[in-house]
Amino acid sequence: MFERKATIASRVGLHARPAAIFAEAVGEVPIDVTIALESDPEEDAMDAASILSLMSLGASNGDVVVLRAEGEGAEGILDSLVRILETDLDAV
């Protein structure tokens, strides 16, 4: 299992638009990816491809989240997903 931490860069957090952009990106990868707040236990991780899960996470600007995945290409995929979260998607 690989994991990466990311700091939420969107000004108002992981709300509807950033969550939709991120969920779409996760949905396009061939592996399952989970997301959790850094302070949450690993077993509370949610499906990162679900907009509802992302919004219920309640991640605000500056919060650190943990992405986890396993499988072929997981490291590179997680690196790409971190870049999305660390971009202010409200400014795009």
PDB file of N, CA and C in Angstrom:
ATOM      1  N   MET A   1       0.850  -1.172   0.000  1.00  0.00           N
ATOM      2  CA  MET A   1       0.000   0.000   0.000  1.00  0.00           C
ATOM      3  C   MET A   1       0.898   1.238   0.000  1.00  0.00           C
ATOM      4  N   PHE A   2       0.563   2.152  -0.885  1.00  0.00           N
ATOM      5  CA  PHE A   2       1.303   3.403  -0.974  1.00  0.00           C
ATOM      6  C   PHE A   2       0.411   4.517  -0.436  1.00  0.00           C
ATOM      7  N   GLU A   3       1.047   5.526   0.129  1.00  0.00           N
ATOM      8  CA  GLU A   3       0.274   6.664   0.593  1.00  0.00           C
ATOM      9  C   GLU A   3       1.036   7.955   0.347  1.00  0.00           C
ATOM     10  N   ARG A   4       0.260   9.007   0.177  1.00  0.00           N
ATOM     11  CA  ARG A   4       0.804  10.353  -0.014  1.00  0.00           C
ATOM     12  C   ARG A   4      -0.051  11.314   0.787  1.00  0.00           C
ATOM     13  N   LYS A   5       0.588  12.340   1.317  1.00  0.00           N
ATOM     14  CA  LYS A   5      -0.136  13.403   2.011  1.00  0.00           C
ATOM     15  C   LYS A   5      -0.229  14.600   1.077  1.00  0.00           C
ATOM     16  N   ALA A   6      -1.342  15.311   1.186  1.00  0.00           N
ATOM     17  CA  ALA A   6      -1.553  16.508   0.373  1.00  0.00           C
ATOM     18  C   ALA A   6      -2.225  17.563   1.236  1.00  0.00           C
ATOM     19  N   THR A   7      -1.871  18.809   0.997  1.00  0.00           N
ATOM     20  CA  THR A   7      -2.497  19.934   1.680  1.00  0.00           C
ATOM     21  C   THR A   7      -3.516  20.543   0.733  1.00  0.00           C
ATOM     22  N   ILE A   8      -4.754  20.669   1.196  1.00  0.00           N
ATOM     23  CA  ILE A   8      -5.837  21.200   0.369  1.00  0.00           C
ATOM     24  C   ILE A   8      -5.565  22.672   0.067  1.00  0.00           C
ATOM     25  N   ALA A   9      -5.456  22.994  -1.221  1.00  0.00           N
ATOM     26  CA  ALA A   9      -5.103  24.356  -1.634  1.00  0.00           C
ATOM     27  C   ALA A   9      -6.308  25.208  -2.021  1.00  0.00           C
ATOM     28  N   SER A  10      -7.423  24.595  -2.390  1.00  0.00           N
ATOM     29  CA  SER A  10      -8.587  25.379  -2.793  1.00  0.00           C
ATOM     30  C   SER A  10      -9.026  26.270  -1.635  1.00  0.00           C
ATOM     31  N   ARG A  11      -9.305  27.520  -1.956  1.00  0.00           N
ATOM     32  CA  ARG A  11      -9.579  28.535  -0.934  1.00  0.00           C
ATOM     33  C   ARG A  11     -10.721  28.181   0.007  1.00  0.00           C
ATOM     34  N   VAL A  12     -11.725  27.517  -0.489  1.00  0.00           N
ATOM     35  CA  VAL A  12     -12.858  27.164   0.374  1.00  0.00           C
ATOM     36  C   VAL A  12     -12.897  25.663   0.659  1.00  0.00           C
ATOM     37  N   GLY A  13     -11.796  24.996   0.469  1.00  0.00           N
ATOM     38  CA  GLY A  13     -11.700  23.584   0.799  1.00  0.00           C
ATOM     39  C   GLY A  13     -12.189  22.669  -0.307  1.00  0.00           C
ATOM     40  N   LEU A  14     -12.431  21.453   0.072  1.00  0.00           N
ATOM     41  CA  LEU A  14     -12.830  20.420  -0.888  1.00  0.00           C
ATOM     42  C   LEU A  14     -14.357  20.402  -0.992  1.00  0.00           C
ATOM     43  N   HIS A  15     -14.896  21.498  -1.534  1.00  0.00           N
ATOM     44  CA  HIS A  15     -16.348  21.629  -1.696  1.00  0.00           C
ATOM     45  C   HIS A  15     -16.743  21.139  -3.085  1.00  0.00           C
ATOM     46  N   ALA A  16     -17.915  21.503  -3.560  1.00  0.00           N
ATOM     47  CA  ALA A  16     -18.500  20.910  -4.770  1.00  0.00           C
ATOM     48  C   ALA A  16     -17.598  20.912  -6.002  1.00  0.00           C
ATOM     49  N   ARG A  17     -17.127  22.058  -6.437  1.00  0.00           N
ATOM     50  CA  ARG A  17     -16.348  22.104  -7.682  1.00  0.00           C
ATOM     51  C   ARG A  17     -15.012  21.361  -7.549  1.00  0.00           C
ATOM     52  N   PRO A  18     -14.183  21.675  -6.555  1.00  0.00           N
ATOM     53  CA  PRO A  18     -12.928  20.927  -6.412  1.00  0.00           C
ATOM     54  C   PRO A  18     -13.158  19.431  -6.183  1.00  0.00           C
ATOM     55  N   ALA A  19     -14.201  19.089  -5.429  1.00  0.00           N
ATOM     56  CA  ALA A  19     -14.488  17.665  -5.193  1.00  0.00           C
ATOM     57  C   ALA A  19     -14.856  16.967  -6.498  1.00  0.00           C
ATOM     58  N   ALA A  20     -15.625  17.642  -7.340  1.00  0.00           N
ATOM     59  CA  ALA A  20     -16.018  17.055  -8.627  1.00  0.00           C
ATOM     60  C   ALA A  20     -14.812  16.858  -9.538  1.00  0.00           C
ATOM     61  N   ILE A  21     -13.939  17.846  -9.578  1.00  0.00           N
ATOM     62  CA  ILE A  21     -12.731  17.751 -10.414  1.00  0.00           C
ATOM     63  C   ILE A  21     -11.858  16.598  -9.928  1.00  0.00           C
ATOM     64  N   PHE A  22     -11.660  16.518  -8.616  1.00  0.00           N
ATOM     65  CA  PHE A  22     -10.811  15.473  -8.048  1.00  0.00           C
ATOM     66  C   PHE A  22     -11.443  14.094  -8.229  1.00  0.00           C
ATOM     67  N   ALA A  23     -12.745  13.972  -7.956  1.00  0.00           N
ATOM     68  CA  ALA A  23     -13.425  12.678  -8.094  1.00  0.00           C
ATOM     69  C   ALA A  23     -13.368  12.184  -9.536  1.00  0.00           C
ATOM     70  N   GLU A  24     -13.504  13.087 -10.483  1.00  0.00           N
ATOM     71  CA  GLU A  24     -13.423  12.699 -11.894  1.00  0.00           C
ATOM     72  C   GLU A  24     -12.032  12.153 -12.221  1.00  0.00           C
ATOM     73  N   ALA A  25     -10.993  12.825 -11.715  1.00  0.00           N
ATOM     74  CA  ALA A  25      -9.616  12.364 -11.952  1.00  0.00           C
ATOM     75  C   ALA A  25      -9.396  10.986 -11.338  1.00  0.00           C
ATOM     76  N   VAL A  26      -9.901  10.776 -10.124  1.00  0.00           N
ATOM     77  CA  VAL A  26      -9.746   9.473  -9.464  1.00  0.00           C
ATOM     78  C   VAL A  26     -10.515   8.398 -10.232  1.00  0.00           C
ATOM     79  N   GLY A  27     -11.684   8.750 -10.725  1.00  0.00           N
ATOM     80  CA  GLY A  27     -12.495   7.796 -11.472  1.00  0.00           C
ATOM     81  C   GLY A  27     -11.855   7.322 -12.764  1.00  0.00           C
ATOM     82  N   GLU A  28     -10.900   8.076 -13.265  1.00  0.00           N
ATOM     83  CA  GLU A  28     -10.228   7.722 -14.517  1.00  0.00           C
ATOM     84  C   GLU A  28      -9.025   6.807 -14.321  1.00  0.00           C
ATOM     85  N   VAL A  29      -8.620   6.560 -13.066  1.00  0.00           N
ATOM     86  CA  VAL A  29      -7.450   5.711 -12.836  1.00  0.00           C
ATOM     87  C   VAL A  29      -7.891   4.261 -12.627  1.00  0.00           C
ATOM     88  N   PRO A  30      -7.027   3.303 -12.951  1.00  0.00           N
ATOM     89  CA  PRO A  30      -7.416   1.885 -12.905  1.00  0.00           C
ATOM     90  C   PRO A  30      -7.289   1.219 -11.532  1.00  0.00           C
ATOM     91  N   ILE A  31      -7.088   2.013 -10.482  1.00  0.00           N
ATOM     92  CA  ILE A  31      -6.958   1.446  -9.129  1.00  0.00           C
ATOM     93  C   ILE A  31      -7.892   2.180  -8.175  1.00  0.00           C
ATOM     94  N   ASP A  32      -8.189   1.553  -7.036  1.00  0.00           N
ATOM     95  CA  ASP A  32      -9.011   2.190  -6.013  1.00  0.00           C
ATOM     96  C   ASP A  32      -8.133   3.096  -5.158  1.00  0.00           C
ATOM     97  N   VAL A  33      -8.636   4.294  -4.888  1.00  0.00           N
ATOM     98  CA  VAL A  33      -7.915   5.278  -4.083  1.00  0.00           C
ATOM     99  C   VAL A  33      -8.824   5.693  -2.933  1.00  0.00           C
ATOM    100  N   THR A  34      -8.247   5.754  -1.736  1.00  0.00           N
ATOM    101  CA  THR A  34      -9.011   6.237  -0.588  1.00  0.00           C
ATOM    102  C   THR A  34      -8.425   7.556  -0.109  1.00  0.00           C
ATOM    103  N   ILE A  35      -9.254   8.298   0.635  1.00  0.00           N
ATOM    104  CA  ILE A  35      -8.839   9.580   1.177  1.00  0.00           C
ATOM    105  C   ILE A  35      -9.341   9.700   2.607  1.00  0.00           C
ATOM    106  N   ALA A  36      -8.537  10.317   3.461  1.00  0.00           N
ATOM    107  CA  ALA A  36      -8.926  10.569   4.851  1.00  0.00           C
ATOM    108  C   ALA A  36      -8.183  11.814   5.325  1.00  0.00           C
ATOM    109  N   LEU A  37      -8.760  12.483   6.308  1.00  0.00           N
ATOM    110  CA  LEU A  37      -8.020  13.560   6.948  1.00  0.00           C
ATOM    111  C   LEU A  37      -6.832  12.946   7.665  1.00  0.00           C
ATOM    112  N   GLU A  38      -5.745  13.674   7.732  1.00  0.00           N
ATOM    113  CA  GLU A  38      -4.531  13.159   8.366  1.00  0.00           C
ATOM    114  C   GLU A  38      -4.797  12.713   9.805  1.00  0.00           C
ATOM    115  N   SER A  39      -5.698  13.401  10.485  1.00  0.00           N
ATOM    116  CA  SER A  39      -5.984  13.092  11.888  1.00  0.00           C
ATOM    117  C   SER A  39      -6.916  11.900  12.072  1.00  0.00           C
ATOM    118  N   ASP A  40      -7.518  11.417  10.993  1.00  0.00           N
ATOM    119  CA  ASP A  40      -8.465  10.293  11.084  1.00  0.00           C
ATOM    120  C   ASP A  40      -7.738   8.958  10.990  1.00  0.00           C
ATOM    121  N   PRO A  41      -8.271   7.935  11.647  1.00  0.00           N
ATOM    122  CA  PRO A  41      -7.667   6.600  11.524  1.00  0.00           C
ATOM    123  C   PRO A  41      -7.832   6.051  10.105  1.00  0.00           C
ATOM    124  N   GLU A  42      -6.909   5.193   9.712  1.00  0.00           N
ATOM    125  CA  GLU A  42      -6.908   4.628   8.353  1.00  0.00           C
ATOM    126  C   GLU A  42      -8.224   3.932   8.012  1.00  0.00           C
ATOM    127  N   GLU A  43      -8.845   3.305   8.984  1.00  0.00           N
ATOM    128  CA  GLU A  43     -10.091   2.593   8.698  1.00  0.00           C
ATOM    129  C   GLU A  43     -11.261   3.533   8.389  1.00  0.00           C
ATOM    130  N   ASP A  44     -11.114   4.816   8.649  1.00  0.00           N
ATOM    131  CA  ASP A  44     -12.151   5.801   8.317  1.00  0.00           C
ATOM    132  C   ASP A  44     -11.988   6.371   6.907  1.00  0.00           C
ATOM    133  N   ALA A  45     -10.998   5.897   6.169  1.00  0.00           N
ATOM    134  CA  ALA A  45     -10.756   6.404   4.815  1.00  0.00           C
ATOM    135  C   ALA A  45     -11.963   6.130   3.928  1.00  0.00           C
ATOM    136  N   MET A  46     -12.198   7.056   3.004  1.00  0.00           N
ATOM    137  CA  MET A  46     -13.358   6.969   2.112  1.00  0.00           C
ATOM    138  C   MET A  46     -12.920   6.815   0.665  1.00  0.00           C
ATOM    139  N   ASP A  47     -13.856   6.424  -0.165  1.00  0.00           N
ATOM    140  CA  ASP A  47     -13.632   6.283  -1.601  1.00  0.00           C
ATOM    141  C   ASP A  47     -13.375   7.663  -2.199  1.00  0.00           C
ATOM    142  N   ALA A  48     -12.180   7.869  -2.736  1.00  0.00           N
ATOM    143  CA  ALA A  48     -11.806   9.172  -3.275  1.00  0.00           C
ATOM    144  C   ALA A  48     -12.478   9.482  -4.605  1.00  0.00           C
ATOM    145  N   ALA A  49     -13.141   8.507  -5.213  1.00  0.00           N
ATOM    146  CA  ALA A  49     -13.850   8.741  -6.473  1.00  0.00           C
ATOM    147  C   ALA A  49     -15.295   9.190  -6.244  1.00  0.00           C
ATOM    148  N   SER A  50     -15.704   9.274  -4.993  1.00  0.00           N
ATOM    149  CA  SER A  50     -17.078   9.644  -4.658  1.00  0.00           C
ATOM    150  C   SER A  50     -17.161  11.114  -4.251  1.00  0.00           C
ATOM    151  N   ILE A  51     -17.909  11.899  -5.015  1.00  0.00           N
ATOM    152  CA  ILE A  51     -18.073  13.315  -4.686  1.00  0.00           C
ATOM    153  C   ILE A  51     -18.696  13.461  -3.302  1.00  0.00           C
ATOM    154  N   LEU A  52     -19.687  12.644  -2.992  1.00  0.00           N
ATOM    155  CA  LEU A  52     -20.335  12.734  -1.683  1.00  0.00           C
ATOM    156  C   LEU A  52     -19.369  12.436  -0.549  1.00  0.00           C
ATOM    157  N   SER A  53     -18.518  11.444  -0.730  1.00  0.00           N
ATOM    158  CA  SER A  53     -17.513  11.132   0.291  1.00  0.00           C
ATOM    159  C   SER A  53     -16.545  12.289   0.465  1.00  0.00           C
ATOM    160  N   LEU A  54     -16.115  12.856  -0.650  1.00  0.00           N
ATOM    161  CA  LEU A  54     -15.165  13.970  -0.582  1.00  0.00           C
ATOM    162  C   LEU A  54     -15.769  15.165   0.147  1.00  0.00           C
ATOM    163  N   MET A  55     -17.015  15.471  -0.153  1.00  0.00           N
ATOM    164  CA  MET A  55     -17.649  16.614   0.494  1.00  0.00           C
ATOM    165  C   MET A  55     -17.926  16.341   1.969  1.00  0.00           C
ATOM    166  N   SER A  56     -18.272  15.101   2.309  1.00  0.00           N
ATOM    167  CA  SER A  56     -18.527  14.769   3.716  1.00  0.00           C
ATOM    168  C   SER A  56     -17.240  14.711   4.529  1.00  0.00           C
ATOM    169  N   LEU A  57     -16.118  14.617   3.857  1.00  0.00           N
ATOM    170  CA  LEU A  57     -14.821  14.630   4.529  1.00  0.00           C
ATOM    171  C   LEU A  57     -14.628  15.934   5.296  1.00  0.00           C
ATOM    172  N   GLY A  58     -15.162  17.028   4.743  1.00  0.00           N
ATOM    173  CA  GLY A  58     -15.068  18.324   5.419  1.00  0.00           C
ATOM    174  C   GLY A  58     -13.678  18.928   5.400  1.00  0.00           C
ATOM    175  N   ALA A  59     -12.893  18.634   4.386  1.00  0.00           N
ATOM    176  CA  ALA A  59     -11.530  19.157   4.302  1.00  0.00           C
ATOM    177  C   ALA A  59     -11.548  20.633   3.907  1.00  0.00           C
ATOM    178  N   SER A  60     -10.927  21.461   4.714  1.00  0.00           N
ATOM    179  CA  SER A  60     -10.848  22.898   4.481  1.00  0.00           C
ATOM    180  C   SER A  60      -9.488  23.276   3.915  1.00  0.00           C
ATOM    181  N   ASN A  61      -9.384  24.504   3.453  1.00  0.00           N
ATOM    182  CA  ASN A  61      -8.110  25.023   2.966  1.00  0.00           C
ATOM    183  C   ASN A  61      -7.051  24.834   4.053  1.00  0.00           C
ATOM    184  N   GLY A  62      -5.922  24.255   3.662  1.00  0.00           N
ATOM    185  CA  GLY A  62      -4.823  24.040   4.594  1.00  0.00           C
ATOM    186  C   GLY A  62      -4.855  22.713   5.327  1.00  0.00           C
ATOM    187  N   ASP A  63      -5.988  21.993   5.269  1.00  0.00           N
ATOM    188  CA  ASP A  63      -6.057  20.673   5.899  1.00  0.00           C
ATOM    189  C   ASP A  63      -5.179  19.685   5.137  1.00  0.00           C
ATOM    190  N   VAL A  64      -4.618  18.747   5.874  1.00  0.00           N
ATOM    191  CA  VAL A  64      -3.800  17.700   5.260  1.00  0.00           C
ATOM    192  C   VAL A  64      -4.640  16.434   5.168  1.00  0.00           C
ATOM    193  N   VAL A  65      -4.649  15.844   3.971  1.00  0.00           N
ATOM    194  CA  VAL A  65      -5.347  14.585   3.745  1.00  0.00           C
ATOM    195  C   VAL A  65      -4.335  13.520   3.355  1.00  0.00           C
ATOM    196  N   VAL A  66      -4.729  12.270   3.542  1.00  0.00           N
ATOM    197  CA  VAL A  66      -3.874  11.140   3.185  1.00  0.00           C
ATOM    198  C   VAL A  66      -4.582  10.342   2.101  1.00  0.00           C
ATOM    199  N   LEU A  67      -3.887  10.152   0.996  1.00  0.00           N
ATOM    200  CA  LEU A  67      -4.383   9.318  -0.105  1.00  0.00           C
ATOM    201  C   LEU A  67      -3.676   7.974  -0.023  1.00  0.00           C
ATOM    202  N   ARG A  68      -4.425   6.889  -0.215  1.00  0.00           N
ATOM    203  CA  ARG A  68      -3.827   5.554  -0.188  1.00  0.00           C
ATOM    204  C   ARG A  68      -4.327   4.749  -1.378  1.00  0.00           C
ATOM    205  N   ALA A  69      -3.430   3.931  -1.918  1.00  0.00           N
ATOM    206  CA  ALA A  69      -3.784   3.058  -3.034  1.00  0.00           C
ATOM    207  C   ALA A  69      -2.737   1.964  -3.140  1.00  0.00           C
ATOM    208  N   GLU A  70      -3.138   0.894  -3.789  1.00  0.00           N
ATOM    209  CA  GLU A  70      -2.170  -0.152  -4.113  1.00  0.00           C
ATOM    210  C   GLU A  70      -2.483  -0.675  -5.500  1.00  0.00           C
ATOM    211  N   GLY A  71      -1.485  -1.245  -6.093  1.00  0.00           N
ATOM    212  CA  GLY A  71      -1.644  -1.765  -7.437  1.00  0.00           C
ATOM    213  C   GLY A  71      -0.619  -1.162  -8.371  1.00  0.00           C
ATOM    214  N   GLU A  72      -0.654  -1.642  -9.587  1.00  0.00           N
ATOM    215  CA  GLU A  72       0.313  -1.200 -10.590  1.00  0.00           C
ATOM    216  C   GLU A  72       0.166   0.291 -10.865  1.00  0.00           C
ATOM    217  N   GLY A  73       1.265   1.011 -10.725  1.00  0.00           N
ATOM    218  CA  GLY A  73       1.281   2.438 -11.006  1.00  0.00           C
ATOM    219  C   GLY A  73       0.771   3.320  -9.883  1.00  0.00           C
ATOM    220  N   ALA A  74       0.506   2.731  -8.706  1.00  0.00           N
ATOM    221  CA  ALA A  74      -0.094   3.485  -7.600  1.00  0.00           C
ATOM    222  C   ALA A  74       0.731   4.701  -7.192  1.00  0.00           C
ATOM    223  N   GLU A  75       2.054   4.554  -7.153  1.00  0.00           N
ATOM    224  CA  GLU A  75       2.894   5.676  -6.722  1.00  0.00           C
ATOM    225  C   GLU A  75       2.724   6.883  -7.639  1.00  0.00           C
ATOM    226  N   GLY A  76       2.815   6.676  -8.929  1.00  0.00           N
ATOM    227  CA  GLY A  76       2.682   7.770  -9.888  1.00  0.00           C
ATOM    228  C   GLY A  76       1.281   8.361  -9.893  1.00  0.00           C
ATOM    229  N   ILE A  77       0.292   7.498  -9.758  1.00  0.00           N
ATOM    230  CA  ILE A  77      -1.096   7.973  -9.715  1.00  0.00           C
ATOM    231  C   ILE A  77      -1.309   8.855  -8.496  1.00  0.00           C
ATOM    232  N   LEU A  78      -0.829   8.421  -7.342  1.00  0.00           N
ATOM    233  CA  LEU A  78      -0.975   9.224  -6.137  1.00  0.00           C
ATOM    234  C   LEU A  78      -0.256  10.561  -6.277  1.00  0.00           C
ATOM    235  N   ASP A  79       0.918  10.552  -6.883  1.00  0.00           N
ATOM    236  CA  ASP A  79       1.644  11.813  -7.097  1.00  0.00           C
ATOM    237  C   ASP A  79       0.811  12.776  -7.939  1.00  0.00           C
ATOM    238  N   SER A  80       0.169  12.274  -8.979  1.00  0.00           N
ATOM    239  CA  SER A  80      -0.677  13.108  -9.840  1.00  0.00           C
ATOM    240  C   SER A  80      -1.877  13.646  -9.078  1.00  0.00           C
ATOM    241  N   LEU A  81      -2.477  12.808  -8.255  1.00  0.00           N
ATOM    242  CA  LEU A  81      -3.648  13.236  -7.491  1.00  0.00           C
ATOM    243  C   LEU A  81      -3.286  14.271  -6.429  1.00  0.00           C
ATOM    244  N   VAL A  82      -2.114  14.130  -5.839  1.00  0.00           N
ATOM    245  CA  VAL A  82      -1.644  15.131  -4.870  1.00  0.00           C
ATOM    246  C   VAL A  82      -1.521  16.488  -5.547  1.00  0.00           C
ATOM    247  N   ARG A  83      -0.994  16.509  -6.765  1.00  0.00           N
ATOM    248  CA  ARG A  83      -0.850  17.783  -7.492  1.00  0.00           C
ATOM    249  C   ARG A  83      -2.203  18.463  -7.693  1.00  0.00           C
ATOM    250  N   ILE A  84      -3.234  17.669  -7.938  1.00  0.00           N
ATOM    251  CA  ILE A  84      -4.572  18.246  -8.115  1.00  0.00           C
ATOM    252  C   ILE A  84      -5.037  18.891  -6.811  1.00  0.00           C
ATOM    253  N   LEU A  85      -4.905  18.167  -5.707  1.00  0.00           N
ATOM    254  CA  LEU A  85      -5.358  18.704  -4.414  1.00  0.00           C
ATOM    255  C   LEU A  85      -4.546  19.928  -3.979  1.00  0.00           C
ATOM    256  N   GLU A  86      -3.285  19.976  -4.385  1.00  0.00           N
ATOM    257  CA  GLU A  86      -2.427  21.076  -3.970  1.00  0.00           C
ATOM    258  C   GLU A  86      -2.467  22.248  -4.970  1.00  0.00           C
ATOM    259  N   THR A  87      -3.478  22.237  -5.835  1.00  0.00           N
ATOM    260  CA  THR A  87      -3.747  23.337  -6.768  1.00  0.00           C
ATOM    261  C   THR A  87      -5.025  24.015  -6.324  1.00  0.00           C
ATOM    262  N   ASP A  88      -5.034  25.340  -6.350  1.00  0.00           N
ATOM    263  CA  ASP A  88      -6.242  26.070  -5.978  1.00  0.00           C
ATOM    264  C   ASP A  88      -7.253  25.929  -7.127  1.00  0.00           C
ATOM    265  N   LEU A  89      -8.115  24.939  -7.026  1.00  0.00           N
ATOM    266  CA  LEU A  89      -9.063  24.644  -8.102  1.00  0.00           C
ATOM    267  C   LEU A  89     -10.160  25.712  -8.212  1.00  0.00           C
ATOM    268  N   ASP A  90     -10.265  26.588  -7.219  1.00  0.00           N
ATOM    269  CA  ASP A  90     -11.205  27.693  -7.310  1.00  0.00           C
ATOM    270  C   ASP A  90     -10.683  28.790  -8.235  1.00  0.00           C
ATOM    271  N   ALA A  91      -9.384  28.808  -8.454  1.00  0.00           N
ATOM    272  CA  ALA A  91      -8.767  29.835  -9.288  1.00  0.00           C
ATOM    273  C   ALA A  91      -8.636  29.400 -10.731  1.00  0.00           C
ATOM    274  N   VAL A  92      -8.905  28.136 -11.015  1.00  0.00           N
ATOM    275  CA  VAL A  92      -8.732  27.590 -12.371  1.00  0.00           C
ATOM    276  C   VAL A  92      -9.955  27.890 -13.214  1.00  0.00           C
TER     277      VAL A  92
END
